[in-house]
Amino acid sequence: MAEPLIEDGAVVLFQGDSITDADRDRSNPDDLGPGYPSLVAALFTALHPAVRVRWINRGLSGHRTSDLRARWQRDCLDLAPTWLSLLIGVNDTWWRYDHGEPTPPDVFEANYRALLEPVVAAGTRLILMEPFLLPGVPDRTSWRADLDPKIEAVRRLAAEFDAILLPLDRLFTAVARERPAAEWMPDGVHPTAAGHALIANTWLRAVGA
């Protein structure tokens, strides 16, 4: 088996919103929750038992790029990750429609860039994940007009910062043609167990694991 990109002794930090948080036990700094971060860590360990990695989850439900900026020193830079895995963006759209607080595309991109710049300067490698949305919930059909420019921004930043990009929006759109969207995420945003497994499998393939 080929060696994965994640090296022995690496610190891998998962960051983002509720999809990453996945109801983890926040009183336990080592708890990864039941979502894709836990699946990634478990499968990676099973596949590469000789590669010792510290896995950290600091995703927080409801957070936007602006919220991550406010806690970035404590919940990212101070942890000195070797790898940062980042999934953020859908709440920057959600808050426009549920709270009347939009994040324009240029502000989103500026916030996202401000997250990446100090991390890259510290030598951390990046895994950037497209935010995603599936059709099926009537009041969220209109969200695509707001989310699509943010997805494009993530793609541009991934190219600019030489990051590994996980094209999750395209991937979920494709698999929803094979099985009902509700089997992947009933509300169009939060993945089921199958959805989390799909993210984990995509993540592992991207790092050669």
N, C-alpha and C. Protein backbone atom coordinates (compact mmCIF):
# COMPACT_ATOMS: atom_id res chain seq x y z
N MET A 1 0.84 -1.19 0.00
CA MET A 1 0.00 0.00 0.00
C MET A 1 0.88 1.25 0.00
N ALA A 2 0.55 2.23 -0.86
CA ALA A 2 1.33 3.46 -0.94
C ALA A 2 1.20 4.27 0.34
N GLU A 3 2.22 5.06 0.62
CA GLU A 3 2.19 5.90 1.80
C GLU A 3 1.19 7.04 1.60
N PRO A 4 0.38 7.35 2.61
CA PRO A 4 -0.55 8.47 2.49
C PRO A 4 0.19 9.80 2.60
N LEU A 5 -0.48 10.87 2.18
CA LEU A 5 0.10 12.20 2.30
C LEU A 5 0.22 12.62 3.77
N ILE A 6 -0.70 12.17 4.60
CA ILE A 6 -0.65 12.49 6.02
C ILE A 6 0.51 11.72 6.64
N GLU A 7 1.46 12.43 7.22
CA GLU A 7 2.69 11.82 7.67
C GLU A 7 2.63 11.41 9.14
N ASP A 8 3.55 10.54 9.51
CA ASP A 8 3.67 10.11 10.91
C ASP A 8 3.95 11.33 11.78
N GLY A 9 3.22 11.43 12.88
CA GLY A 9 3.39 12.55 13.79
C GLY A 9 2.58 13.78 13.44
N ALA A 10 1.76 13.70 12.40
CA ALA A 10 0.98 14.85 11.97
C ALA A 10 -0.12 15.19 12.97
N VAL A 11 -0.51 16.45 12.97
CA VAL A 11 -1.68 16.93 13.70
C VAL A 11 -2.69 17.39 12.66
N VAL A 12 -3.84 16.74 12.62
CA VAL A 12 -4.88 17.06 11.64
C VAL A 12 -6.03 17.74 12.37
N LEU A 13 -6.35 18.96 11.97
CA LEU A 13 -7.43 19.73 12.58
C LEU A 13 -8.61 19.82 11.62
N PHE A 14 -9.78 19.37 12.09
CA PHE A 14 -11.03 19.55 11.35
C PHE A 14 -11.71 20.81 11.87
N GLN A 15 -12.06 21.72 10.97
CA GLN A 15 -12.71 22.95 11.36
C GLN A 15 -13.94 23.20 10.49
N GLY A 16 -14.92 23.91 11.07
CA GLY A 16 -16.12 24.23 10.32
C GLY A 16 -17.32 24.48 11.20
N ASP A 17 -18.48 24.06 10.69
CA ASP A 17 -19.74 24.34 11.35
C ASP A 17 -20.36 23.05 11.88
N SER A 18 -21.69 22.95 11.89
CA SER A 18 -22.36 21.79 12.49
C SER A 18 -22.07 20.49 11.77
N ILE A 19 -21.77 20.54 10.48
CA ILE A 19 -21.49 19.32 9.74
C ILE A 19 -20.22 18.67 10.27
N THR A 20 -19.25 19.50 10.61
CA THR A 20 -18.01 19.00 11.21
C THR A 20 -18.19 18.72 12.70
N ASP A 21 -18.87 19.62 13.38
CA ASP A 21 -19.15 19.47 14.82
C ASP A 21 -19.82 18.13 15.09
N ALA A 22 -20.92 17.88 14.38
CA ALA A 22 -21.64 16.59 14.45
C ALA A 22 -21.99 16.20 15.89
N ASP A 23 -22.34 17.21 16.70
CA ASP A 23 -22.74 16.96 18.10
C ASP A 23 -21.64 16.29 18.91
N ARG A 24 -20.40 16.68 18.66
CA ARG A 24 -19.30 16.17 19.47
C ARG A 24 -19.44 16.64 20.91
N ASP A 25 -18.78 15.96 21.82
CA ASP A 25 -18.76 16.34 23.23
C ASP A 25 -17.74 17.47 23.40
N ARG A 26 -18.21 18.69 23.49
CA ARG A 26 -17.29 19.83 23.54
C ARG A 26 -16.54 19.93 24.87
N SER A 27 -17.01 19.20 25.89
CA SER A 27 -16.27 19.20 27.16
C SER A 27 -15.03 18.31 27.09
N ASN A 28 -14.96 17.50 26.04
CA ASN A 28 -13.82 16.60 25.85
C ASN A 28 -13.05 17.05 24.60
N PRO A 29 -11.88 17.67 24.76
CA PRO A 29 -11.16 18.20 23.60
C PRO A 29 -10.70 17.15 22.61
N ASP A 30 -10.73 15.89 23.02
CA ASP A 30 -10.30 14.81 22.13
C ASP A 30 -11.46 14.13 21.41
N ASP A 31 -12.69 14.51 21.75
CA ASP A 31 -13.84 13.86 21.11
C ASP A 31 -14.02 14.38 19.69
N LEU A 32 -14.17 13.48 18.75
CA LEU A 32 -14.34 13.84 17.35
C LEU A 32 -15.79 13.88 16.92
N GLY A 33 -16.71 13.39 17.78
CA GLY A 33 -18.10 13.32 17.38
C GLY A 33 -18.35 12.12 16.49
N PRO A 34 -19.61 11.90 16.11
CA PRO A 34 -19.95 10.72 15.30
C PRO A 34 -19.93 10.96 13.79
N GLY A 35 -19.51 12.14 13.34
CA GLY A 35 -19.58 12.46 11.92
C GLY A 35 -18.34 12.08 11.14
N TYR A 36 -18.14 12.75 10.02
CA TYR A 36 -17.05 12.36 9.11
C TYR A 36 -15.66 12.46 9.75
N PRO A 37 -15.37 13.40 10.67
CA PRO A 37 -14.02 13.40 11.27
C PRO A 37 -13.69 12.10 11.99
N SER A 38 -14.66 11.56 12.71
CA SER A 38 -14.45 10.30 13.40
C SER A 38 -14.24 9.15 12.42
N LEU A 39 -15.01 9.16 11.34
CA LEU A 39 -14.87 8.11 10.32
C LEU A 39 -13.50 8.19 9.65
N VAL A 40 -13.07 9.39 9.33
CA VAL A 40 -11.75 9.57 8.73
C VAL A 40 -10.67 9.02 9.63
N ALA A 41 -10.71 9.42 10.90
CA ALA A 41 -9.67 9.01 11.85
C ALA A 41 -9.66 7.49 12.03
N ALA A 42 -10.84 6.90 12.17
CA ALA A 42 -10.92 5.46 12.41
C ALA A 42 -10.43 4.67 11.20
N LEU A 43 -10.88 5.05 10.02
CA LEU A 43 -10.50 4.31 8.83
C LEU A 43 -9.02 4.52 8.50
N PHE A 44 -8.55 5.75 8.67
CA PHE A 44 -7.13 6.01 8.41
C PHE A 44 -6.27 5.14 9.34
N THR A 45 -6.63 5.08 10.61
CA THR A 45 -5.86 4.29 11.57
C THR A 45 -5.89 2.81 11.21
N ALA A 46 -7.05 2.33 10.79
CA ALA A 46 -7.17 0.92 10.40
C ALA A 46 -6.32 0.61 9.16
N LEU A 47 -6.27 1.56 8.23
CA LEU A 47 -5.53 1.35 6.99
C LEU A 47 -4.03 1.57 7.15
N HIS A 48 -3.65 2.46 8.07
CA HIS A 48 -2.24 2.82 8.24
C HIS A 48 -1.88 2.82 9.72
N PRO A 49 -1.90 1.67 10.37
CA PRO A 49 -1.67 1.62 11.82
C PRO A 49 -0.30 2.11 12.26
N ALA A 50 0.68 2.11 11.37
CA ALA A 50 2.02 2.56 11.74
C ALA A 50 2.17 4.08 11.68
N VAL A 51 1.17 4.77 11.10
CA VAL A 51 1.23 6.23 10.98
C VAL A 51 0.43 6.82 12.15
N ARG A 52 1.14 7.45 13.05
CA ARG A 52 0.51 8.00 14.25
C ARG A 52 0.11 9.45 14.01
N VAL A 53 -1.15 9.71 14.14
CA VAL A 53 -1.71 11.03 13.84
C VAL A 53 -2.55 11.49 15.04
N ARG A 54 -2.45 12.77 15.36
CA ARG A 54 -3.37 13.35 16.34
C ARG A 54 -4.48 14.03 15.57
N TRP A 55 -5.72 13.62 15.86
CA TRP A 55 -6.89 14.15 15.18
C TRP A 55 -7.62 15.08 16.14
N ILE A 56 -7.97 16.28 15.68
CA ILE A 56 -8.65 17.27 16.51
C ILE A 56 -9.87 17.79 15.75
N ASN A 57 -10.99 17.92 16.44
CA ASN A 57 -12.20 18.49 15.85
C ASN A 57 -12.57 19.75 16.64
N ARG A 58 -12.64 20.88 15.95
CA ARG A 58 -13.08 22.13 16.58
C ARG A 58 -14.22 22.78 15.79
N GLY A 59 -14.97 21.97 15.03
CA GLY A 59 -16.15 22.50 14.37
C GLY A 59 -17.18 22.95 15.39
N LEU A 60 -17.91 24.03 15.08
CA LEU A 60 -18.95 24.53 15.98
C LEU A 60 -20.22 24.82 15.18
N SER A 61 -21.32 24.25 15.66
CA SER A 61 -22.61 24.38 14.98
C SER A 61 -23.00 25.85 14.81
N GLY A 62 -23.51 26.17 13.63
CA GLY A 62 -24.02 27.50 13.35
C GLY A 62 -23.00 28.51 12.91
N HIS A 63 -21.73 28.14 12.90
CA HIS A 63 -20.70 29.13 12.64
C HIS A 63 -20.55 29.47 11.16
N ARG A 64 -20.18 30.74 10.94
CA ARG A 64 -19.89 31.28 9.62
C ARG A 64 -18.40 31.60 9.53
N THR A 65 -17.96 32.07 8.38
CA THR A 65 -16.56 32.45 8.26
C THR A 65 -16.18 33.54 9.26
N SER A 66 -17.09 34.47 9.53
CA SER A 66 -16.79 35.53 10.49
C SER A 66 -16.61 34.97 11.89
N ASP A 67 -17.38 33.94 12.24
CA ASP A 67 -17.25 33.31 13.56
C ASP A 67 -15.92 32.59 13.68
N LEU A 68 -15.51 31.93 12.62
CA LEU A 68 -14.20 31.27 12.64
C LEU A 68 -13.09 32.29 12.82
N ARG A 69 -13.18 33.42 12.15
CA ARG A 69 -12.15 34.45 12.31
C ARG A 69 -12.03 34.88 13.77
N ALA A 70 -13.16 34.98 14.46
CA ALA A 70 -13.15 35.46 15.84
C ALA A 70 -12.47 34.48 16.79
N ARG A 71 -12.46 33.19 16.45
CA ARG A 71 -11.87 32.19 17.34
C ARG A 71 -10.66 31.47 16.71
N TRP A 72 -10.13 32.04 15.64
CA TRP A 72 -9.11 31.35 14.85
C TRP A 72 -7.81 31.15 15.60
N GLN A 73 -7.42 32.15 16.38
CA GLN A 73 -6.15 32.01 17.11
C GLN A 73 -6.22 30.83 18.07
N ARG A 74 -7.29 30.79 18.87
CA ARG A 74 -7.43 29.74 19.88
C ARG A 74 -7.71 28.37 19.28
N ASP A 75 -8.59 28.34 18.30
CA ASP A 75 -9.09 27.06 17.81
C ASP A 75 -8.42 26.58 16.52
N CYS A 76 -7.37 27.28 16.11
CA CYS A 76 -6.59 26.81 14.97
C CYS A 76 -5.11 27.08 15.17
N LEU A 77 -4.72 28.33 15.15
CA LEU A 77 -3.29 28.67 15.14
C LEU A 77 -2.58 28.16 16.38
N ASP A 78 -3.21 28.28 17.55
CA ASP A 78 -2.58 27.81 18.78
C ASP A 78 -2.40 26.30 18.82
N LEU A 79 -3.16 25.59 18.00
CA LEU A 79 -3.08 24.13 17.95
C LEU A 79 -1.96 23.65 17.02
N ALA A 80 -1.39 24.57 16.24
CA ALA A 80 -0.27 24.27 15.34
C ALA A 80 -0.51 23.02 14.50
N PRO A 81 -1.62 22.99 13.72
CA PRO A 81 -1.88 21.79 12.92
C PRO A 81 -0.88 21.63 11.78
N THR A 82 -0.58 20.38 11.48
CA THR A 82 0.19 20.06 10.29
C THR A 82 -0.70 20.15 9.05
N TRP A 83 -1.95 19.73 9.25
CA TRP A 83 -2.97 19.77 8.20
C TRP A 83 -4.22 20.44 8.76
N LEU A 84 -4.83 21.31 7.96
CA LEU A 84 -6.12 21.90 8.28
C LEU A 84 -7.14 21.42 7.26
N SER A 85 -8.22 20.80 7.76
CA SER A 85 -9.33 20.38 6.92
C SER A 85 -10.50 21.32 7.23
N LEU A 86 -10.93 22.09 6.23
CA LEU A 86 -11.90 23.17 6.47
C LEU A 86 -13.15 23.00 5.62
N LEU A 87 -14.30 22.97 6.30
CA LEU A 87 -15.61 22.94 5.64
C LEU A 87 -16.46 24.05 6.25
N ILE A 88 -16.64 25.14 5.53
CA ILE A 88 -17.40 26.29 6.03
C ILE A 88 -18.08 26.98 4.86
N GLY A 89 -19.22 27.60 5.12
CA GLY A 89 -19.86 28.38 4.07
C GLY A 89 -21.37 28.32 4.03
N VAL A 90 -21.97 27.18 4.38
CA VAL A 90 -23.42 27.09 4.22
C VAL A 90 -24.14 28.02 5.19
N ASN A 91 -23.57 28.26 6.37
CA ASN A 91 -24.23 29.20 7.29
C ASN A 91 -24.09 30.64 6.85
N ASP A 92 -23.04 30.95 6.07
CA ASP A 92 -22.95 32.29 5.49
C ASP A 92 -24.13 32.53 4.55
N THR A 93 -24.65 31.47 3.97
CA THR A 93 -25.87 31.55 3.18
C THR A 93 -27.11 31.46 4.05
N TRP A 94 -27.15 30.49 4.96
CA TRP A 94 -28.33 30.23 5.80
C TRP A 94 -28.75 31.48 6.56
N TRP A 95 -27.78 32.20 7.13
CA TRP A 95 -28.10 33.36 7.96
C TRP A 95 -28.74 34.48 7.14
N ARG A 96 -28.49 34.51 5.86
CA ARG A 96 -29.16 35.51 5.02
C ARG A 96 -30.67 35.29 5.02
N TYR A 97 -31.08 34.03 4.94
CA TYR A 97 -32.49 33.72 4.78
C TYR A 97 -33.22 33.56 6.12
N ASP A 98 -32.55 33.06 7.15
CA ASP A 98 -33.19 32.83 8.44
C ASP A 98 -33.01 33.98 9.43
N HIS A 99 -31.93 34.78 9.26
CA HIS A 99 -31.64 35.84 10.22
C HIS A 99 -31.57 37.22 9.58
N GLY A 100 -31.68 37.28 8.25
CA GLY A 100 -31.57 38.56 7.59
C GLY A 100 -30.19 39.16 7.67
N GLU A 101 -29.15 38.29 7.78
CA GLU A 101 -27.77 38.74 7.88
C GLU A 101 -26.95 38.12 6.74
N PRO A 102 -26.96 38.75 5.59
CA PRO A 102 -26.22 38.18 4.45
C PRO A 102 -24.71 38.36 4.59
N THR A 103 -23.98 37.44 3.97
CA THR A 103 -22.53 37.59 3.81
C THR A 103 -22.28 37.68 2.31
N PRO A 104 -22.04 38.88 1.78
CA PRO A 104 -21.81 39.01 0.33
C PRO A 104 -20.61 38.17 -0.11
N PRO A 105 -20.59 37.76 -1.37
CA PRO A 105 -19.50 36.90 -1.84
C PRO A 105 -18.11 37.47 -1.60
N ASP A 106 -17.93 38.79 -1.78
CA ASP A 106 -16.61 39.36 -1.58
C ASP A 106 -16.19 39.34 -0.12
N VAL A 107 -17.16 39.51 0.79
CA VAL A 107 -16.87 39.44 2.22
C VAL A 107 -16.55 38.00 2.61
N PHE A 108 -17.32 37.06 2.08
CA PHE A 108 -17.03 35.65 2.34
C PHE A 108 -15.62 35.30 1.91
N GLU A 109 -15.24 35.71 0.69
CA GLU A 109 -13.92 35.38 0.19
C GLU A 109 -12.83 36.05 1.03
N ALA A 110 -13.07 37.28 1.45
CA ALA A 110 -12.09 37.98 2.30
C ALA A 110 -11.95 37.29 3.64
N ASN A 111 -13.06 36.88 4.23
CA ASN A 111 -13.01 36.15 5.50
C ASN A 111 -12.25 34.84 5.35
N TYR A 112 -12.56 34.12 4.29
CA TYR A 112 -11.94 32.81 4.05
C TYR A 112 -10.43 32.97 3.85
N ARG A 113 -10.06 34.00 3.07
CA ARG A 113 -8.64 34.26 2.82
C ARG A 113 -7.92 34.60 4.13
N ALA A 114 -8.57 35.37 4.99
CA ALA A 114 -7.98 35.74 6.27
C ALA A 114 -7.77 34.52 7.16
N LEU A 115 -8.59 33.50 7.00
CA LEU A 115 -8.39 32.25 7.74
C LEU A 115 -7.17 31.50 7.21
N LEU A 116 -7.02 31.48 5.90
CA LEU A 116 -5.97 30.66 5.29
C LEU A 116 -4.58 31.26 5.39
N GLU A 117 -4.47 32.57 5.26
CA GLU A 117 -3.15 33.20 5.16
C GLU A 117 -2.22 32.88 6.33
N PRO A 118 -2.66 33.04 7.59
CA PRO A 118 -1.72 32.75 8.68
C PRO A 118 -1.43 31.27 8.83
N VAL A 119 -2.36 30.43 8.41
CA VAL A 119 -2.16 28.99 8.48
C VAL A 119 -1.08 28.56 7.49
N VAL A 120 -1.19 29.05 6.28
CA VAL A 120 -0.20 28.73 5.25
C VAL A 120 1.16 29.30 5.62
N ALA A 121 1.16 30.50 6.21
CA ALA A 121 2.42 31.11 6.62
C ALA A 121 3.13 30.27 7.69
N ALA A 122 2.34 29.52 8.46
CA ALA A 122 2.91 28.66 9.50
C ALA A 122 3.35 27.30 8.94
N GLY A 123 3.12 27.06 7.65
CA GLY A 123 3.55 25.82 7.03
C GLY A 123 2.52 24.71 7.04
N THR A 124 1.29 25.03 7.44
CA THR A 124 0.22 24.04 7.47
C THR A 124 -0.28 23.74 6.05
N ARG A 125 -0.58 22.48 5.78
CA ARG A 125 -1.17 22.09 4.50
C ARG A 125 -2.68 22.11 4.61
N LEU A 126 -3.33 22.32 3.47
CA LEU A 126 -4.76 22.59 3.46
C LEU A 126 -5.55 21.53 2.71
N ILE A 127 -6.70 21.17 3.30
CA ILE A 127 -7.73 20.39 2.62
C ILE A 127 -9.00 21.22 2.71
N LEU A 128 -9.43 21.79 1.59
CA LEU A 128 -10.60 22.65 1.55
C LEU A 128 -11.77 21.89 0.94
N MET A 129 -12.91 22.02 1.57
CA MET A 129 -14.09 21.26 1.18
C MET A 129 -15.18 22.22 0.72
N GLU A 130 -15.71 21.99 -0.46
CA GLU A 130 -16.81 22.82 -0.93
C GLU A 130 -18.00 22.75 0.02
N PRO A 131 -18.60 23.89 0.39
CA PRO A 131 -19.91 23.82 1.03
C PRO A 131 -20.90 23.27 0.02
N PHE A 132 -21.99 22.71 0.50
CA PHE A 132 -22.90 22.02 -0.42
C PHE A 132 -24.34 22.21 0.00
N LEU A 133 -25.24 21.92 -0.95
CA LEU A 133 -26.68 22.04 -0.73
C LEU A 133 -27.37 21.11 -1.72
N LEU A 134 -28.33 20.35 -1.21
CA LEU A 134 -29.10 19.48 -2.09
C LEU A 134 -30.54 19.99 -2.21
N PRO A 135 -31.17 19.83 -3.38
CA PRO A 135 -32.56 20.25 -3.54
C PRO A 135 -33.48 19.33 -2.77
N GLY A 136 -34.70 19.77 -2.60
CA GLY A 136 -35.70 18.92 -1.95
C GLY A 136 -36.46 19.62 -0.86
N VAL A 137 -35.86 20.63 -0.23
CA VAL A 137 -36.56 21.41 0.78
C VAL A 137 -37.03 22.69 0.11
N PRO A 138 -38.35 22.88 -0.03
CA PRO A 138 -38.88 23.97 -0.88
C PRO A 138 -38.32 25.34 -0.55
N ASP A 139 -38.21 25.70 0.74
CA ASP A 139 -37.78 27.06 1.06
C ASP A 139 -36.28 27.26 0.91
N ARG A 140 -35.58 26.21 0.45
CA ARG A 140 -34.13 26.35 0.28
C ARG A 140 -33.70 26.28 -1.18
N THR A 141 -34.66 26.16 -2.08
CA THR A 141 -34.32 26.13 -3.50
C THR A 141 -33.62 27.42 -3.92
N SER A 142 -34.08 28.53 -3.36
CA SER A 142 -33.51 29.83 -3.73
C SER A 142 -32.11 30.05 -3.17
N TRP A 143 -31.67 29.21 -2.23
CA TRP A 143 -30.37 29.40 -1.59
C TRP A 143 -29.20 29.26 -2.57
N ARG A 144 -29.43 28.54 -3.66
CA ARG A 144 -28.31 28.29 -4.59
C ARG A 144 -27.74 29.59 -5.14
N ALA A 145 -28.59 30.57 -5.36
CA ALA A 145 -28.10 31.83 -5.90
C ALA A 145 -27.09 32.48 -4.96
N ASP A 146 -27.25 32.25 -3.67
CA ASP A 146 -26.31 32.81 -2.70
C ASP A 146 -25.11 31.90 -2.48
N LEU A 147 -25.34 30.59 -2.46
CA LEU A 147 -24.26 29.66 -2.14
C LEU A 147 -23.29 29.45 -3.31
N ASP A 148 -23.79 29.42 -4.53
CA ASP A 148 -22.93 29.10 -5.67
C ASP A 148 -21.70 30.02 -5.78
N PRO A 149 -21.85 31.34 -5.61
CA PRO A 149 -20.65 32.19 -5.67
C PRO A 149 -19.66 31.87 -4.54
N LYS A 150 -20.14 31.41 -3.42
CA LYS A 150 -19.25 31.04 -2.31
C LYS A 150 -18.49 29.75 -2.63
N ILE A 151 -19.16 28.83 -3.28
CA ILE A 151 -18.48 27.61 -3.72
C ILE A 151 -17.37 27.96 -4.71
N GLU A 152 -17.68 28.85 -5.64
CA GLU A 152 -16.68 29.28 -6.62
C GLU A 152 -15.49 29.95 -5.91
N ALA A 153 -15.75 30.70 -4.87
CA ALA A 153 -14.67 31.34 -4.11
C ALA A 153 -13.77 30.30 -3.47
N VAL A 154 -14.36 29.24 -2.91
CA VAL A 154 -13.56 28.18 -2.30
C VAL A 154 -12.68 27.51 -3.35
N ARG A 155 -13.23 27.29 -4.53
CA ARG A 155 -12.45 26.68 -5.60
C ARG A 155 -11.27 27.56 -6.00
N ARG A 156 -11.51 28.87 -6.10
CA ARG A 156 -10.42 29.79 -6.45
C ARG A 156 -9.34 29.79 -5.37
N LEU A 157 -9.76 29.84 -4.11
CA LEU A 157 -8.79 29.89 -3.02
C LEU A 157 -8.01 28.59 -2.92
N ALA A 158 -8.66 27.47 -3.20
CA ALA A 158 -7.94 26.19 -3.19
C ALA A 158 -6.82 26.20 -4.22
N ALA A 159 -7.10 26.73 -5.40
CA ALA A 159 -6.07 26.81 -6.44
C ALA A 159 -4.97 27.78 -6.04
N GLU A 160 -5.36 28.91 -5.49
CA GLU A 160 -4.38 29.94 -5.11
C GLU A 160 -3.45 29.47 -4.01
N PHE A 161 -3.98 28.74 -3.03
CA PHE A 161 -3.19 28.32 -1.87
C PHE A 161 -2.67 26.89 -2.00
N ASP A 162 -2.77 26.32 -3.20
CA ASP A 162 -2.25 24.98 -3.45
C ASP A 162 -2.83 23.96 -2.48
N ALA A 163 -4.12 24.05 -2.26
CA ALA A 163 -4.82 23.15 -1.33
C ALA A 163 -5.38 21.95 -2.07
N ILE A 164 -5.62 20.89 -1.32
CA ILE A 164 -6.42 19.77 -1.82
C ILE A 164 -7.88 20.20 -1.75
N LEU A 165 -8.59 20.12 -2.85
CA LEU A 165 -9.99 20.52 -2.90
C LEU A 165 -10.87 19.28 -2.96
N LEU A 166 -11.85 19.21 -2.06
CA LEU A 166 -12.85 18.15 -2.11
C LEU A 166 -14.11 18.74 -2.72
N PRO A 167 -14.49 18.31 -3.94
CA PRO A 167 -15.62 18.90 -4.65
C PRO A 167 -16.96 18.33 -4.15
N LEU A 168 -17.28 18.60 -2.91
CA LEU A 168 -18.42 17.93 -2.29
C LEU A 168 -19.75 18.34 -2.89
N ASP A 169 -19.90 19.60 -3.30
CA ASP A 169 -21.18 20.00 -3.87
C ASP A 169 -21.45 19.22 -5.15
N ARG A 170 -20.45 19.12 -6.00
CA ARG A 170 -20.61 18.34 -7.24
C ARG A 170 -20.84 16.86 -6.94
N LEU A 171 -20.15 16.37 -5.92
CA LEU A 171 -20.27 14.96 -5.58
C LEU A 171 -21.66 14.62 -5.06
N PHE A 172 -22.17 15.44 -4.14
CA PHE A 172 -23.50 15.16 -3.61
C PHE A 172 -24.58 15.34 -4.67
N THR A 173 -24.40 16.31 -5.54
CA THR A 173 -25.36 16.49 -6.63
C THR A 173 -25.39 15.24 -7.51
N ALA A 174 -24.22 14.64 -7.75
CA ALA A 174 -24.14 13.45 -8.59
C ALA A 174 -24.79 12.24 -7.92
N VAL A 175 -24.47 12.01 -6.64
CA VAL A 175 -25.02 10.80 -6.00
C VAL A 175 -26.52 10.94 -5.74
N ALA A 176 -27.02 12.19 -5.65
CA ALA A 176 -28.46 12.38 -5.46
C ALA A 176 -29.25 12.00 -6.71
N ARG A 177 -28.55 11.83 -7.83
CA ARG A 177 -29.22 11.32 -9.03
C ARG A 177 -29.39 9.81 -8.97
N GLU A 178 -28.59 9.16 -8.12
CA GLU A 178 -28.64 7.71 -8.00
C GLU A 178 -29.56 7.24 -6.88
N ARG A 179 -29.63 8.01 -5.81
CA ARG A 179 -30.48 7.68 -4.67
C ARG A 179 -31.16 8.96 -4.21
N PRO A 180 -32.33 8.87 -3.57
CA PRO A 180 -33.05 10.08 -3.17
C PRO A 180 -32.19 11.00 -2.30
N ALA A 181 -32.35 12.30 -2.51
CA ALA A 181 -31.55 13.28 -1.77
C ALA A 181 -31.71 13.10 -0.26
N ALA A 182 -32.89 12.69 0.18
CA ALA A 182 -33.13 12.52 1.61
C ALA A 182 -32.25 11.45 2.24
N GLU A 183 -31.76 10.52 1.44
CA GLU A 183 -30.86 9.50 1.98
C GLU A 183 -29.47 10.06 2.26
N TRP A 184 -29.20 11.23 1.67
CA TRP A 184 -27.90 11.88 1.89
C TRP A 184 -27.99 13.01 2.90
N MET A 185 -29.07 13.81 2.82
CA MET A 185 -29.28 14.91 3.78
C MET A 185 -30.74 15.35 3.69
N PRO A 186 -31.56 14.96 4.65
CA PRO A 186 -33.01 15.23 4.58
C PRO A 186 -33.36 16.71 4.49
N ASP A 187 -32.57 17.58 5.15
CA ASP A 187 -32.87 19.01 5.10
C ASP A 187 -32.07 19.74 4.04
N GLY A 188 -31.34 18.98 3.22
CA GLY A 188 -30.54 19.58 2.17
C GLY A 188 -29.20 20.10 2.61
N VAL A 189 -28.93 20.05 3.94
CA VAL A 189 -27.70 20.62 4.48
C VAL A 189 -26.92 19.63 5.35
N HIS A 190 -27.62 18.97 6.28
CA HIS A 190 -26.94 18.13 7.26
C HIS A 190 -26.94 16.67 6.81
N PRO A 191 -25.75 16.09 6.61
CA PRO A 191 -25.68 14.73 6.06
C PRO A 191 -26.19 13.66 7.03
N THR A 192 -26.73 12.61 6.45
CA THR A 192 -27.04 11.38 7.18
C THR A 192 -25.73 10.63 7.42
N ALA A 193 -25.84 9.45 8.04
CA ALA A 193 -24.65 8.61 8.22
C ALA A 193 -24.02 8.29 6.87
N ALA A 194 -24.86 8.03 5.86
CA ALA A 194 -24.33 7.75 4.52
C ALA A 194 -23.63 8.97 3.95
N GLY A 195 -24.18 10.14 4.19
CA GLY A 195 -23.56 11.36 3.72
C GLY A 195 -22.20 11.60 4.37
N HIS A 196 -22.12 11.39 5.68
CA HIS A 196 -20.85 11.53 6.37
C HIS A 196 -19.84 10.50 5.86
N ALA A 197 -20.31 9.29 5.58
CA ALA A 197 -19.41 8.26 5.06
C ALA A 197 -18.88 8.65 3.69
N LEU A 198 -19.72 9.27 2.87
CA LEU A 198 -19.29 9.71 1.55
C LEU A 198 -18.20 10.80 1.68
N ILE A 199 -18.39 11.73 2.61
CA ILE A 199 -17.38 12.76 2.84
C ILE A 199 -16.07 12.11 3.30
N ALA A 200 -16.17 11.19 4.26
CA ALA A 200 -14.97 10.54 4.79
C ALA A 200 -14.22 9.77 3.70
N ASN A 201 -14.95 9.05 2.87
CA ASN A 201 -14.32 8.29 1.79
C ASN A 201 -13.62 9.22 0.80
N THR A 202 -14.26 10.33 0.48
CA THR A 202 -13.68 11.31 -0.43
C THR A 202 -12.41 11.91 0.18
N TRP A 203 -12.45 12.21 1.46
CA TRP A 203 -11.30 12.78 2.17
C TRP A 203 -10.12 11.81 2.15
N LEU A 204 -10.38 10.58 2.47
CA LEU A 204 -9.31 9.58 2.52
C LEU A 204 -8.69 9.35 1.14
N ARG A 205 -9.51 9.28 0.12
CA ARG A 205 -8.98 9.12 -1.23
C ARG A 205 -8.09 10.31 -1.63
N ALA A 206 -8.51 11.51 -1.21
CA ALA A 206 -7.78 12.71 -1.59
C ALA A 206 -6.38 12.75 -1.00
N VAL A 207 -6.19 12.10 0.16
CA VAL A 207 -4.86 12.09 0.80
C VAL A 207 -4.13 10.77 0.57
N GLY A 208 -4.64 9.98 -0.36
CA GLY A 208 -3.96 8.74 -0.72
C GLY A 208 -4.03 7.67 0.34
N ALA A 209 -5.08 7.72 1.16
CA ALA A 209 -5.20 6.74 2.24
C ALA A 209 -6.17 5.62 1.87
